[in-house]
């Protein structure tokens, strides 16, 4: 199963609803044709001035170390440009694997839901 995303705006925050797997065996890619890596998607949003991003992982069935690396690179990209990235709704195995890395909350800020993520950005 490949990955896909849908982007939507809530105020000045971009929410990417992601579906599929984030692993090296299935392209770490988004969009038509699956040829754009996550970090490039995030960089493109940042270039457009959208530097507050929430990744909704509700429909992500699996993530491996490569995918976790992509998340960390995406966070660093946004923070270097004065923005940030939050992860929300990781289910079952995804949440377990993200917690095992111990990157939360120092590198990857995981929130239980979109409302919490929006509040963390200073929204209502």
PDB file of N, CA and C in Angstrom:
ATOM      1  N   UNK A   1       0.848  -1.190   0.000  1.00  0.00           N
ATOM      2  CA  UNK A   1       0.000   0.000   0.000  1.00  0.00           C
ATOM      3  C   UNK A   1       0.883   1.239   0.000  1.00  0.00           C
ATOM      4  N   UNK A   2       0.640   2.154  -0.910  1.00  0.00           N
ATOM      5  CA  UNK A   2       1.408   3.391  -0.949  1.00  0.00           C
ATOM      6  C   UNK A   2       0.786   4.416   0.000  1.00  0.00           C
ATOM      7  N   UNK A   3       1.485   5.518   0.159  1.00  0.00           N
ATOM      8  CA  UNK A   3       0.998   6.574   1.024  1.00  0.00           C
ATOM      9  C   UNK A   3       0.327   7.665   0.200  1.00  0.00           C
ATOM     10  N   UNK A   4      -0.583   8.359   0.861  1.00  0.00           N
ATOM     11  CA  UNK A   4      -1.223   9.509   0.250  1.00  0.00           C
ATOM     12  C   UNK A   4      -1.510  10.528   1.342  1.00  0.00           C
ATOM     13  N   UNK A   5      -1.832  11.755   0.924  1.00  0.00           N
ATOM     14  CA  UNK A   5      -2.193  12.765   1.912  1.00  0.00           C
ATOM     15  C   UNK A   5      -3.229  13.719   1.329  1.00  0.00           C
ATOM     16  N   UNK A   6      -3.954  14.311   2.241  1.00  0.00           N
ATOM     17  CA  UNK A   6      -4.880  15.387   1.920  1.00  0.00           C
ATOM     18  C   UNK A   6      -4.478  16.557   2.812  1.00  0.00           C
ATOM     19  N   UNK A   7      -4.373  17.747   2.249  1.00  0.00           N
ATOM     20  CA  UNK A   7      -4.013  18.940   3.021  1.00  0.00           C
ATOM     21  C   UNK A   7      -5.256  19.781   3.261  1.00  0.00           C
ATOM     22  N   UNK A   8      -5.329  20.356   4.458  1.00  0.00           N
ATOM     23  CA  UNK A   8      -6.403  21.294   4.785  1.00  0.00           C
ATOM     24  C   UNK A   8      -5.857  22.337   5.743  1.00  0.00           C
ATOM     25  N   UNK A   9      -6.513  23.484   5.811  1.00  0.00           N
ATOM     26  CA  UNK A   9      -6.079  24.587   6.662  1.00  0.00           C
ATOM     27  C   UNK A   9      -7.051  24.781   7.814  1.00  0.00           C
ATOM     28  N   UNK A  10      -6.515  25.032   9.001  1.00  0.00           N
ATOM     29  CA  UNK A  10      -7.285  25.472  10.154  1.00  0.00           C
ATOM     30  C   UNK A  10      -6.552  26.708  10.656  1.00  0.00           C
ATOM     31  N   UNK A  11      -7.066  27.878  10.312  1.00  0.00           N
ATOM     32  CA  UNK A  11      -6.367  29.120  10.624  1.00  0.00           C
ATOM     33  C   UNK A  11      -5.037  29.141   9.894  1.00  0.00           C
ATOM     34  N   UNK A  12      -3.953  29.346  10.647  1.00  0.00           N
ATOM     35  CA  UNK A  12      -2.621  29.384  10.026  1.00  0.00           C
ATOM     36  C   UNK A  12      -1.883  28.052  10.134  1.00  0.00           C
ATOM     37  N   UNK A  13      -2.598  26.987  10.466  1.00  0.00           N
ATOM     38  CA  UNK A  13      -2.012  25.655  10.605  1.00  0.00           C
ATOM     39  C   UNK A  13      -2.453  24.780   9.438  1.00  0.00           C
ATOM     40  N   UNK A  14      -1.484  24.095   8.830  1.00  0.00           N
ATOM     41  CA  UNK A  14      -1.761  23.148   7.759  1.00  0.00           C
ATOM     42  C   UNK A  14      -1.834  21.757   8.359  1.00  0.00           C
ATOM     43  N   UNK A  15      -2.913  21.055   8.098  1.00  0.00           N
ATOM     44  CA  UNK A  15      -3.067  19.687   8.581  1.00  0.00           C
ATOM     45  C   UNK A  15      -2.964  18.751   7.387  1.00  0.00           C
ATOM     46  N   UNK A  16      -2.061  17.785   7.492  1.00  0.00           N
ATOM     47  CA  UNK A  16      -1.900  16.770   6.456  1.00  0.00           C
ATOM     48  C   UNK A  16      -2.453  15.458   6.994  1.00  0.00           C
ATOM     49  N   UNK A  17      -3.544  14.995   6.417  1.00  0.00           N
ATOM     50  CA  UNK A  17      -4.129  13.709   6.772  1.00  0.00           C
ATOM     51  C   UNK A  17      -3.427  12.659   5.922  1.00  0.00           C
ATOM     52  N   UNK A  18      -2.650  11.809   6.580  1.00  0.00           N
ATOM     53  CA  UNK A  18      -1.817  10.841   5.881  1.00  0.00           C
ATOM     54  C   UNK A  18      -2.439   9.457   5.981  1.00  0.00           C
ATOM     55  N   UNK A  19      -2.354   8.695   4.904  1.00  0.00           N
ATOM     56  CA  UNK A  19      -2.860   7.324   4.889  1.00  0.00           C
ATOM     57  C   UNK A  19      -1.807   6.405   4.275  1.00  0.00           C
ATOM     58  N   UNK A  20      -1.745   5.181   4.780  1.00  0.00           N
ATOM     59  CA  UNK A  20      -0.824   4.187   4.233  1.00  0.00           C
ATOM     60  C   UNK A  20       0.268   3.813   5.211  1.00  0.00           C
ATOM     61  N   UNK A  21       1.420   3.471   4.668  1.00  0.00           N
ATOM     62  CA  UNK A  21       2.574   3.058   5.460  1.00  0.00           C
ATOM     63  C   UNK A  21       3.714   4.045   5.243  1.00  0.00           C
ATOM     64  N   UNK A  22       4.484   4.270   6.291  1.00  0.00           N
ATOM     65  CA  UNK A  22       5.684   5.103   6.178  1.00  0.00           C
ATOM     66  C   UNK A  22       6.854   4.175   6.444  1.00  0.00           C
ATOM     67  N   UNK A  23       7.363   3.572   5.390  1.00  0.00           N
ATOM     68  CA  UNK A  23       8.504   2.669   5.555  1.00  0.00           C
ATOM     69  C   UNK A  23       9.346   2.644   4.285  1.00  0.00           C
ATOM     70  N   UNK A  24      10.544   2.092   4.423  1.00  0.00           N
ATOM     71  CA  UNK A  24      11.475   2.092   3.303  1.00  0.00           C
ATOM     72  C   UNK A  24      11.040   1.132   2.202  1.00  0.00           C
ATOM     73  N   UNK A  25      10.287   0.101   2.544  1.00  0.00           N
ATOM     74  CA  UNK A  25       9.847  -0.876   1.553  1.00  0.00           C
ATOM     75  C   UNK A  25       8.777  -0.348   0.616  1.00  0.00           C
ATOM     76  N   UNK A  26       7.994   0.603   1.083  1.00  0.00           N
ATOM     77  CA  UNK A  26       6.982   1.264   0.269  1.00  0.00           C
ATOM     78  C   UNK A  26       7.478   2.685   0.157  1.00  0.00           C
ATOM     79  N   UNK A  27       7.666   3.234  -0.999  1.00  0.00           N
ATOM     80  CA  UNK A  27       8.259   4.560  -1.123  1.00  0.00           C
ATOM     81  C   UNK A  27       7.862   5.502   0.004  1.00  0.00           C
ATOM     82  N   UNK A  28       8.866   6.182   0.577  1.00  0.00           N
ATOM     83  CA  UNK A  28       8.604   7.259   1.523  1.00  0.00           C
ATOM     84  C   UNK A  28       8.153   8.440   0.690  1.00  0.00           C
ATOM     85  N   UNK A  29       6.944   8.355   0.191  1.00  0.00           N
ATOM     86  CA  UNK A  29       6.543   9.357  -0.776  1.00  0.00           C
ATOM     87  C   UNK A  29       5.067   9.688  -0.658  1.00  0.00           C
ATOM     88  N   UNK A  30       4.743  10.848  -1.200  1.00  0.00           N
ATOM     89  CA  UNK A  30       3.392  11.365  -1.178  1.00  0.00           C
ATOM     90  C   UNK A  30       3.016  11.821  -2.569  1.00  0.00           C
ATOM     91  N   UNK A  31       1.735  12.004  -2.778  1.00  0.00           N
ATOM     92  CA  UNK A  31       1.280  12.638  -4.004  1.00  0.00           C
ATOM     93  C   UNK A  31       1.126  11.673  -5.162  1.00  0.00           C
ATOM     94  N   UNK A  32       0.679  12.213  -6.245  1.00  0.00           N
ATOM     95  CA  UNK A  32       0.455  11.408  -7.442  1.00  0.00           C
ATOM     96  C   UNK A  32       1.761  10.770  -7.889  1.00  0.00           C
ATOM     97  N   UNK A  33       1.742   9.490  -8.109  1.00  0.00           N
ATOM     98  CA  UNK A  33       2.937   8.787  -8.549  1.00  0.00           C
ATOM     99  C   UNK A  33       3.854   8.401  -7.410  1.00  0.00           C
ATOM    100  N   UNK A  34       3.599   8.902  -6.216  1.00  0.00           N
ATOM    101  CA  UNK A  34       4.402   8.525  -5.066  1.00  0.00           C
ATOM    102  C   UNK A  34       5.878   8.849  -5.219  1.00  0.00           C
ATOM    103  N   UNK A  35       6.196  10.030  -5.686  1.00  0.00           N
ATOM    104  CA  UNK A  35       7.588  10.350  -5.939  1.00  0.00           C
ATOM    105  C   UNK A  35       8.129  11.497  -5.102  1.00  0.00           C
ATOM    106  N   UNK A  36       7.359  12.047  -4.197  1.00  0.00           N
ATOM    107  CA  UNK A  36       7.813  13.178  -3.401  1.00  0.00           C
ATOM    108  C   UNK A  36       7.968  12.763  -1.948  1.00  0.00           C
ATOM    109  N   UNK A  37       9.190  12.748  -1.416  1.00  0.00           N
ATOM    110  CA  UNK A  37       9.400  12.367  -0.020  1.00  0.00           C
ATOM    111  C   UNK A  37       8.725  13.337   0.947  1.00  0.00           C
ATOM    112  N   UNK A  38       8.393  12.854   2.118  1.00  0.00           N
ATOM    113  CA  UNK A  38       7.749  13.649   3.162  1.00  0.00           C
ATOM    114  C   UNK A  38       8.504  14.948   3.398  1.00  0.00           C
ATOM    115  N   UNK A  39       9.806  14.873   3.534  1.00  0.00           N
ATOM    116  CA  UNK A  39      10.579  16.089   3.840  1.00  0.00           C
ATOM    117  C   UNK A  39      10.419  17.128   2.737  1.00  0.00           C
ATOM    118  N   UNK A  40      10.258  16.687   1.485  1.00  0.00           N
ATOM    119  CA  UNK A  40      10.059  17.640   0.384  1.00  0.00           C
ATOM    120  C   UNK A  40       8.669  18.250   0.417  1.00  0.00           C
ATOM    121  N   UNK A  41       7.672  17.458   0.795  1.00  0.00           N
ATOM    122  CA  UNK A  41       6.318  17.991   0.947  1.00  0.00           C
ATOM    123  C   UNK A  41       6.338  19.082   2.006  1.00  0.00           C
ATOM    124  N   UNK A  42       6.976  18.806   3.137  1.00  0.00           N
ATOM    125  CA  UNK A  42       7.056  19.778   4.227  1.00  0.00           C
ATOM    126  C   UNK A  42       7.822  21.018   3.773  1.00  0.00           C
ATOM    127  N   UNK A  43       8.933  20.837   3.076  1.00  0.00           N
ATOM    128  CA  UNK A  43       9.711  21.985   2.576  1.00  0.00           C
ATOM    129  C   UNK A  43       8.879  22.837   1.623  1.00  0.00           C
ATOM    130  N   UNK A  44       8.082  22.199   0.793  1.00  0.00           N
ATOM    131  CA  UNK A  44       7.252  22.955  -0.147  1.00  0.00           C
ATOM    132  C   UNK A  44       6.211  23.789   0.601  1.00  0.00           C
ATOM    133  N   UNK A  45       5.573  23.220   1.609  1.00  0.00           N
ATOM    134  CA  UNK A  45       4.621  23.993   2.406  1.00  0.00           C
ATOM    135  C   UNK A  45       5.343  25.154   3.092  1.00  0.00           C
ATOM    136  N   UNK A  46       6.534  24.917   3.617  1.00  0.00           N
ATOM    137  CA  UNK A  46       7.305  25.982   4.274  1.00  0.00           C
ATOM    138  C   UNK A  46       7.650  27.086   3.275  1.00  0.00           C
ATOM    139  N   UNK A  47       8.033  26.715   2.058  1.00  0.00           N
ATOM    140  CA  UNK A  47       8.338  27.713   1.013  1.00  0.00           C
ATOM    141  C   UNK A  47       7.125  28.586   0.712  1.00  0.00           C
ATOM    142  N   UNK A  48       5.944  28.011   0.872  1.00  0.00           N
ATOM    143  CA  UNK A  48       4.707  28.742   0.635  1.00  0.00           C
ATOM    144  C   UNK A  48       4.273  29.549   1.856  1.00  0.00           C
ATOM    145  N   UNK A  49       5.102  29.517   2.913  1.00  0.00           N
ATOM    146  CA  UNK A  49       4.800  30.279   4.126  1.00  0.00           C
ATOM    147  C   UNK A  49       3.997  29.521   5.163  1.00  0.00           C
ATOM    148  N   UNK A  50       3.719  28.261   4.904  1.00  0.00           N
ATOM    149  CA  UNK A  50       2.955  27.439   5.841  1.00  0.00           C
ATOM    150  C   UNK A  50       3.943  26.650   6.697  1.00  0.00           C
ATOM    151  N   UNK A  51       4.284  27.217   7.850  1.00  0.00           N
ATOM    152  CA  UNK A  51       5.340  26.652   8.680  1.00  0.00           C
ATOM    153  C   UNK A  51       4.833  26.008   9.961  1.00  0.00           C
ATOM    154  N   UNK A  52       3.527  25.967  10.124  1.00  0.00           N
ATOM    155  CA  UNK A  52       2.906  25.256  11.242  1.00  0.00           C
ATOM    156  C   UNK A  52       2.159  24.082  10.626  1.00  0.00           C
ATOM    157  N   UNK A  53       2.681  22.884  10.862  1.00  0.00           N
ATOM    158  CA  UNK A  53       2.112  21.700  10.211  1.00  0.00           C
ATOM    159  C   UNK A  53       1.767  20.634  11.235  1.00  0.00           C
ATOM    160  N   UNK A  54       0.607  20.041  11.056  1.00  0.00           N
ATOM    161  CA  UNK A  54       0.160  18.901  11.863  1.00  0.00           C
ATOM    162  C   UNK A  54       0.068  17.707  10.926  1.00  0.00           C
ATOM    163  N   UNK A  55       0.720  16.614  11.303  1.00  0.00           N
ATOM    164  CA  UNK A  55       0.597  15.359  10.560  1.00  0.00           C
ATOM    165  C   UNK A  55      -0.391  14.468  11.300  1.00  0.00           C
ATOM    166  N   UNK A  56      -1.528  14.220  10.684  1.00  0.00           N
ATOM    167  CA  UNK A  56      -2.536  13.336  11.257  1.00  0.00           C
ATOM    168  C   UNK A  56      -2.228  11.917  10.788  1.00  0.00           C
ATOM    169  N   UNK A  57      -1.764  11.085  11.707  1.00  0.00           N
ATOM    170  CA  UNK A  57      -1.347   9.719  11.366  1.00  0.00           C
ATOM    171  C   UNK A  57      -2.421   8.675  11.636  1.00  0.00           C
ATOM    172  N   UNK A  58      -3.661   9.101  11.800  1.00  0.00           N
ATOM    173  CA  UNK A  58      -4.742   8.166  12.127  1.00  0.00           C
ATOM    174  C   UNK A  58      -4.817   6.993  11.155  1.00  0.00           C
ATOM    175  N   UNK A  59      -4.614   7.249   9.875  1.00  0.00           N
ATOM    176  CA  UNK A  59      -4.742   6.200   8.859  1.00  0.00           C
ATOM    177  C   UNK A  59      -3.401   5.641   8.391  1.00  0.00           C
ATOM    178  N   UNK A  60      -2.354   5.846   9.200  1.00  0.00           N
ATOM    179  CA  UNK A  60      -1.049   5.248   8.912  1.00  0.00           C
ATOM    180  C   UNK A  60      -0.992   3.922   9.663  1.00  0.00           C
ATOM    181  N   UNK A  61      -0.793   2.832   8.938  1.00  0.00           N
ATOM    182  CA  UNK A  61      -0.827   1.508   9.550  1.00  0.00           C
ATOM    183  C   UNK A  61       0.523   1.064  10.098  1.00  0.00           C
ATOM    184  N   UNK A  62       1.621   1.680   9.639  1.00  0.00           N
ATOM    185  CA  UNK A  62       2.955   1.237  10.063  1.00  0.00           C
ATOM    186  C   UNK A  62       3.974   2.334   9.771  1.00  0.00           C
ATOM    187  N   UNK A  63       4.990   2.404  10.614  1.00  0.00           N
ATOM    188  CA  UNK A  63       6.115   3.303  10.377  1.00  0.00           C
ATOM    189  C   UNK A  63       7.381   2.570  10.792  1.00  0.00           C
ATOM    190  N   UNK A  64       8.445   2.687   9.996  1.00  0.00           N
ATOM    191  CA  UNK A  64       9.710   2.067  10.382  1.00  0.00           C
ATOM    192  C   UNK A  64      10.723   3.160  10.709  1.00  0.00           C
ATOM    193  N   UNK A  65      11.964   2.776  10.961  1.00  0.00           N
ATOM    194  CA  UNK A  65      12.983   3.747  11.370  1.00  0.00           C
ATOM    195  C   UNK A  65      13.236   4.791  10.279  1.00  0.00           C
ATOM    196  N   UNK A  66      13.117   4.411   9.019  1.00  0.00           N
ATOM    197  CA  UNK A  66      13.277   5.378   7.933  1.00  0.00           C
ATOM    198  C   UNK A  66      12.174   6.429   7.982  1.00  0.00           C
ATOM    199  N   UNK A  67      10.973   5.988   8.237  1.00  0.00           N
ATOM    200  CA  UNK A  67       9.845   6.910   8.348  1.00  0.00           C
ATOM    201  C   UNK A  67       9.986   7.828   9.542  1.00  0.00           C
ATOM    202  N   UNK A  68      10.458   7.302  10.659  1.00  0.00           N
ATOM    203  CA  UNK A  68      10.692   8.124  11.844  1.00  0.00           C
ATOM    204  C   UNK A  68      11.779   9.157  11.538  1.00  0.00           C
ATOM    205  N   UNK A  69      12.794   8.739  10.785  1.00  0.00           N
ATOM    206  CA  UNK A  69      13.829   9.673  10.356  1.00  0.00           C
ATOM    207  C   UNK A  69      13.262  10.793   9.497  1.00  0.00           C
ATOM    208  N   UNK A  70      12.336  10.446   8.594  1.00  0.00           N
ATOM    209  CA  UNK A  70      11.684  11.459   7.759  1.00  0.00           C
ATOM    210  C   UNK A  70      10.923  12.459   8.625  1.00  0.00           C
ATOM    211  N   UNK A  71      10.245  11.966   9.656  1.00  0.00           N
ATOM    212  CA  UNK A  71       9.534  12.869  10.567  1.00  0.00           C
ATOM    213  C   UNK A  71      10.509  13.815  11.258  1.00  0.00           C
ATOM    214  N   UNK A  72      11.629  13.269  11.757  1.00  0.00           N
ATOM    215  CA  UNK A  72      12.621  14.087  12.470  1.00  0.00           C
ATOM    216  C   UNK A  72      13.221  15.151  11.543  1.00  0.00           C
ATOM    217  N   UNK A  73      13.519  14.786  10.306  1.00  0.00           N
ATOM    218  CA  UNK A  73      14.059  15.752   9.335  1.00  0.00           C
ATOM    219  C   UNK A  73      13.019  16.840   9.058  1.00  0.00           C
ATOM    220  N   UNK A  74      11.772  16.454   8.940  1.00  0.00           N
ATOM    221  CA  UNK A  74      10.703  17.421   8.679  1.00  0.00           C
ATOM    222  C   UNK A  74      10.556  18.410   9.831  1.00  0.00           C
ATOM    223  N   UNK A  75      10.635  17.905  11.062  1.00  0.00           N
ATOM    224  CA  UNK A  75      10.580  18.784  12.239  1.00  0.00           C
ATOM    225  C   UNK A  75      11.740  19.773  12.204  1.00  0.00           C
ATOM    226  N   UNK A  76      12.946  19.268  11.967  1.00  0.00           N
ATOM    227  CA  UNK A  76      14.130  20.130  11.936  1.00  0.00           C
ATOM    228  C   UNK A  76      14.013  21.196  10.854  1.00  0.00           C
ATOM    229  N   UNK A  77      13.517  20.818   9.688  1.00  0.00           N
ATOM    230  CA  UNK A  77      13.333  21.766   8.590  1.00  0.00           C
ATOM    231  C   UNK A  77      12.441  22.920   9.016  1.00  0.00           C
ATOM    232  N   UNK A  78      11.304  22.597   9.598  1.00  0.00           N
ATOM    233  CA  UNK A  78      10.365  23.641  10.003  1.00  0.00           C
ATOM    234  C   UNK A  78      10.913  24.484  11.153  1.00  0.00           C
ATOM    235  N   UNK A  79      11.518  23.854  12.137  1.00  0.00           N
ATOM    236  CA  UNK A  79      12.044  24.618  13.273  1.00  0.00           C
ATOM    237  C   UNK A  79      13.161  25.552  12.841  1.00  0.00           C
ATOM    238  N   UNK A  80      13.970  25.135  11.890  1.00  0.00           N
ATOM    239  CA  UNK A  80      15.035  26.004  11.375  1.00  0.00           C
ATOM    240  C   UNK A  80      14.475  27.228  10.662  1.00  0.00           C
ATOM    241  N   UNK A  81      13.218  27.158  10.245  1.00  0.00           N
ATOM    242  CA  UNK A  81      12.581  28.274   9.546  1.00  0.00           C
ATOM    243  C   UNK A  81      11.569  29.001  10.435  1.00  0.00           C
ATOM    244  N   UNK A  82      11.624  28.737  11.738  1.00  0.00           N
ATOM    245  CA  UNK A  82      10.739  29.424  12.670  1.00  0.00           C
ATOM    246  C   UNK A  82       9.367  28.794  12.818  1.00  0.00           C
ATOM    247  N   UNK A  83       9.184  27.602  12.303  1.00  0.00           N
ATOM    248  CA  UNK A  83       7.906  26.905  12.400  1.00  0.00           C
ATOM    249  C   UNK A  83       8.009  25.696  13.313  1.00  0.00           C
ATOM    250  N   UNK A  84       7.051  24.790  13.181  1.00  0.00           N
ATOM    251  CA  UNK A  84       7.077  23.556  13.960  1.00  0.00           C
ATOM    252  C   UNK A  84       6.138  22.540  13.333  1.00  0.00           C
ATOM    253  N   UNK A  85       6.261  21.305  13.780  1.00  0.00           N
ATOM    254  CA  UNK A  85       5.449  20.205  13.299  1.00  0.00           C
ATOM    255  C   UNK A  85       4.973  19.405  14.504  1.00  0.00           C
ATOM    256  N   UNK A  86       3.713  19.060  14.494  1.00  0.00           N
ATOM    257  CA  UNK A  86       3.115  18.211  15.521  1.00  0.00           C
ATOM    258  C   UNK A  86       2.578  16.960  14.844  1.00  0.00           C
ATOM    259  N   UNK A  87       2.611  15.861  15.563  1.00  0.00           N
ATOM    260  CA  UNK A  87       2.042  14.595  15.095  1.00  0.00           C
ATOM    261  C   UNK A  87       0.829  14.301  15.954  1.00  0.00           C
ATOM    262  N   UNK A  88      -0.287  13.911  15.315  1.00  0.00           N
ATOM    263  CA  UNK A  88      -1.501  13.584  16.053  1.00  0.00           C
ATOM    264  C   UNK A  88      -2.071  12.246  15.613  1.00  0.00           C
ATOM    265  N   UNK A  89      -2.864  11.681  16.495  1.00  0.00           N
ATOM    266  CA  UNK A  89      -3.636  10.468  16.230  1.00  0.00           C
ATOM    267  C   UNK A  89      -2.846   9.244  15.797  1.00  0.00           C
ATOM    268  N   UNK A  90      -1.620   9.037  16.293  1.00  0.00           N
ATOM    269  CA  UNK A  90      -0.959   7.795  15.881  1.00  0.00           C
ATOM    270  C   UNK A  90      -1.690   6.611  16.519  1.00  0.00           C
ATOM    271  N   UNK A  91      -1.999   5.629  15.715  1.00  0.00           N
ATOM    272  CA  UNK A  91      -2.711   4.475  16.236  1.00  0.00           C
ATOM    273  C   UNK A  91      -1.775   3.349  16.613  1.00  0.00           C
ATOM    274  N   UNK A  92      -2.256   2.458  17.447  1.00  0.00           N
ATOM    275  CA  UNK A  92      -1.618   1.212  17.835  1.00  0.00           C
ATOM    276  C   UNK A  92      -0.120   1.102  17.674  1.00  0.00           C
ATOM    277  N   UNK A  93       0.298   0.363  16.660  1.00  0.00           N
ATOM    278  CA  UNK A  93       1.704   0.059  16.442  1.00  0.00           C
ATOM    279  C   UNK A  93       2.508   1.315  16.133  1.00  0.00           C
ATOM    280  N   UNK A  94       1.904   2.274  15.423  1.00  0.00           N
ATOM    281  CA  UNK A  94       2.615   3.515  15.092  1.00  0.00           C
ATOM    282  C   UNK A  94       2.954   4.275  16.373  1.00  0.00           C
ATOM    283  N   UNK A  95       1.986   4.399  17.260  1.00  0.00           N
ATOM    284  CA  UNK A  95       2.233   5.095  18.522  1.00  0.00           C
ATOM    285  C   UNK A  95       3.302   4.373  19.337  1.00  0.00           C
ATOM    286  N   UNK A  96       3.215   3.066  19.383  1.00  0.00           N
ATOM    287  CA  UNK A  96       4.198   2.283  20.131  1.00  0.00           C
ATOM    288  C   UNK A  96       5.614   2.507  19.578  1.00  0.00           C
ATOM    289  N   UNK A  97       5.758   2.452  18.263  1.00  0.00           N
ATOM    290  CA  UNK A  97       7.072   2.638  17.658  1.00  0.00           C
ATOM    291  C   UNK A  97       7.596   4.057  17.855  1.00  0.00           C
ATOM    292  N   UNK A  98       6.722   5.052  17.755  1.00  0.00           N
ATOM    293  CA  UNK A  98       7.154   6.432  17.992  1.00  0.00           C
ATOM    294  C   UNK A  98       7.595   6.625  19.445  1.00  0.00           C
ATOM    295  N   UNK A  99       6.869   6.046  20.374  1.00  0.00           N
ATOM    296  CA  UNK A  99       7.233   6.166  21.797  1.00  0.00           C
ATOM    297  C   UNK A  99       8.547   5.444  22.093  1.00  0.00           C
ATOM    298  N   UNK A 100       8.772   4.311  21.441  1.00  0.00           N
ATOM    299  CA  UNK A 100      10.002   3.542  21.677  1.00  0.00           C
ATOM    300  C   UNK A 100      11.252   4.330  21.303  1.00  0.00           C
ATOM    301  N   UNK A 101      11.130   5.237  20.349  1.00  0.00           N
ATOM    302  CA  UNK A 101      12.284   6.029  19.926  1.00  0.00           C
ATOM    303  C   UNK A 101      12.701   7.045  20.983  1.00  0.00           C
ATOM    304  N   UNK A 102      11.781   7.371  21.877  1.00  0.00           N
ATOM    305  CA  UNK A 102      11.999   8.379  22.925  1.00  0.00           C
ATOM    306  C   UNK A 102      12.296   9.757  22.347  1.00  0.00           C
ATOM    307  N   UNK A 103      11.826  10.008  21.149  1.00  0.00           N
ATOM    308  CA  UNK A 103      12.001  11.321  20.534  1.00  0.00           C
ATOM    309  C   UNK A 103      10.910  12.302  20.955  1.00  0.00           C
ATOM    310  N   UNK A 104       9.820  11.782  21.534  1.00  0.00           N
ATOM    311  CA  UNK A 104       8.726  12.622  22.005  1.00  0.00           C
ATOM    312  C   UNK A 104       9.020  13.023  23.450  1.00  0.00           C
ATOM    313  N   UNK A 105       8.946  14.283  23.805  1.00  0.00           N
ATOM    314  CA  UNK A 105       8.550  15.455  23.026  1.00  0.00           C
ATOM    315  C   UNK A 105       9.730  16.308  22.545  1.00  0.00           C
ATOM    316  N   UNK A 106      10.946  15.866  22.776  1.00  0.00           N
ATOM    317  CA  UNK A 106      12.104  16.687  22.432  1.00  0.00           C
ATOM    318  C   UNK A 106      12.240  16.930  20.934  1.00  0.00           C
ATOM    319  N   UNK A 107      11.985  15.915  20.129  1.00  0.00           N
ATOM    320  CA  UNK A 107      12.129  16.064  18.686  1.00  0.00           C
ATOM    321  C   UNK A 107      10.767  16.025  18.008  1.00  0.00           C
ATOM    322  N   UNK A 108      10.029  14.969  18.220  1.00  0.00           N
ATOM    323  CA  UNK A 108       8.716  14.811  17.593  1.00  0.00           C
ATOM    324  C   UNK A 108       7.646  15.011  18.662  1.00  0.00           C
ATOM    325  N   UNK A 109       6.893  16.083  18.544  1.00  0.00           N
ATOM    326  CA  UNK A 109       5.857  16.422  19.520  1.00  0.00           C
ATOM    327  C   UNK A 109       4.568  15.704  19.134  1.00  0.00           C
ATOM    328  N   UNK A 110       4.209  14.679  19.923  1.00  0.00           N
ATOM    329  CA  UNK A 110       3.025  13.871  19.642  1.00  0.00           C
ATOM    330  C   UNK A 110       1.877  14.350  20.526  1.00  0.00           C
ATOM    331  N   UNK A 111       0.775  14.684  19.894  1.00  0.00           N
ATOM    332  CA  UNK A 111      -0.432  15.122  20.599  1.00  0.00           C
ATOM    333  C   UNK A 111      -1.535  14.092  20.353  1.00  0.00           C
ATOM    334  N   UNK A 112      -2.468  13.958  21.316  1.00  0.00           N
ATOM    335  CA  UNK A 112      -3.509  12.942  21.155  1.00  0.00           C
ATOM    336  C   UNK A 112      -4.544  13.264  20.082  1.00  0.00           C
ATOM    337  N   UNK A 113      -4.717  14.567  19.767  1.00  0.00           N
ATOM    338  CA  UNK A 113      -5.736  14.950  18.796  1.00  0.00           C
ATOM    339  C   UNK A 113      -5.419  16.312  18.197  1.00  0.00           C
ATOM    340  N   UNK A 114      -6.183  16.692  17.189  1.00  0.00           N
ATOM    341  CA  UNK A 114      -5.949  17.958  16.499  1.00  0.00           C
ATOM    342  C   UNK A 114      -6.153  19.159  17.406  1.00  0.00           C
ATOM    343  N   UNK A 115      -7.153  19.103  18.267  1.00  0.00           N
ATOM    344  CA  UNK A 115      -7.411  20.224  19.166  1.00  0.00           C
ATOM    345  C   UNK A 115      -6.193  20.513  20.026  1.00  0.00           C
ATOM    346  N   UNK A 116      -5.568  19.469  20.565  1.00  0.00           N
ATOM    347  CA  UNK A 116      -4.360  19.645  21.384  1.00  0.00           C
ATOM    348  C   UNK A 116      -3.223  20.231  20.562  1.00  0.00           C
ATOM    349  N   UNK A 117      -3.078  19.783  19.324  1.00  0.00           N
ATOM    350  CA  UNK A 117      -2.011  20.296  18.459  1.00  0.00           C
ATOM    351  C   UNK A 117      -2.240  21.772  18.141  1.00  0.00           C
ATOM    352  N   UNK A 118      -3.486  22.125  17.820  1.00  0.00           N
ATOM    353  CA  UNK A 118      -3.788  23.524  17.518  1.00  0.00           C
ATOM    354  C   UNK A 118      -3.539  24.403  18.729  1.00  0.00           C
ATOM    355  N   UNK A 119      -3.889  23.931  19.909  1.00  0.00           N
ATOM    356  CA  UNK A 119      -3.610  24.687  21.138  1.00  0.00           C
ATOM    357  C   UNK A 119      -2.107  24.861  21.334  1.00  0.00           C
ATOM    358  N   UNK A 120      -1.345  23.835  21.033  1.00  0.00           N
ATOM    359  CA  UNK A 120       0.114  23.906  21.187  1.00  0.00           C
ATOM    360  C   UNK A 120       0.719  24.953  20.263  1.00  0.00           C
ATOM    361  N   UNK A 121       0.045  25.233  19.146  1.00  0.00           N
ATOM    362  CA  UNK A 121       0.481  26.283  18.234  1.00  0.00           C
ATOM    363  C   UNK A 121      -0.050  27.651  18.649  1.00  0.00           C
ATOM    364  N   UNK A 122      -0.809  27.666  19.724  1.00  0.00           N
ATOM    365  CA  UNK A 122      -1.370  28.939  20.186  1.00  0.00           C
ATOM    366  C   UNK A 122      -2.766  29.199  19.675  1.00  0.00           C
ATOM    367  N   UNK A 123      -3.373  28.211  19.038  1.00  0.00           N
ATOM    368  CA  UNK A 123      -4.737  28.357  18.537  1.00  0.00           C
ATOM    369  C   UNK A 123      -5.749  28.011  19.599  1.00  0.00           C
ATOM    370  N   UNK A 124      -7.013  28.183  19.265  1.00  0.00           N
ATOM    371  CA  UNK A 124      -8.090  27.908  20.225  1.00  0.00           C
ATOM    372  C   UNK A 124      -8.573  26.488  20.141  1.00  0.00           C
TER     373      UNK A 124
END
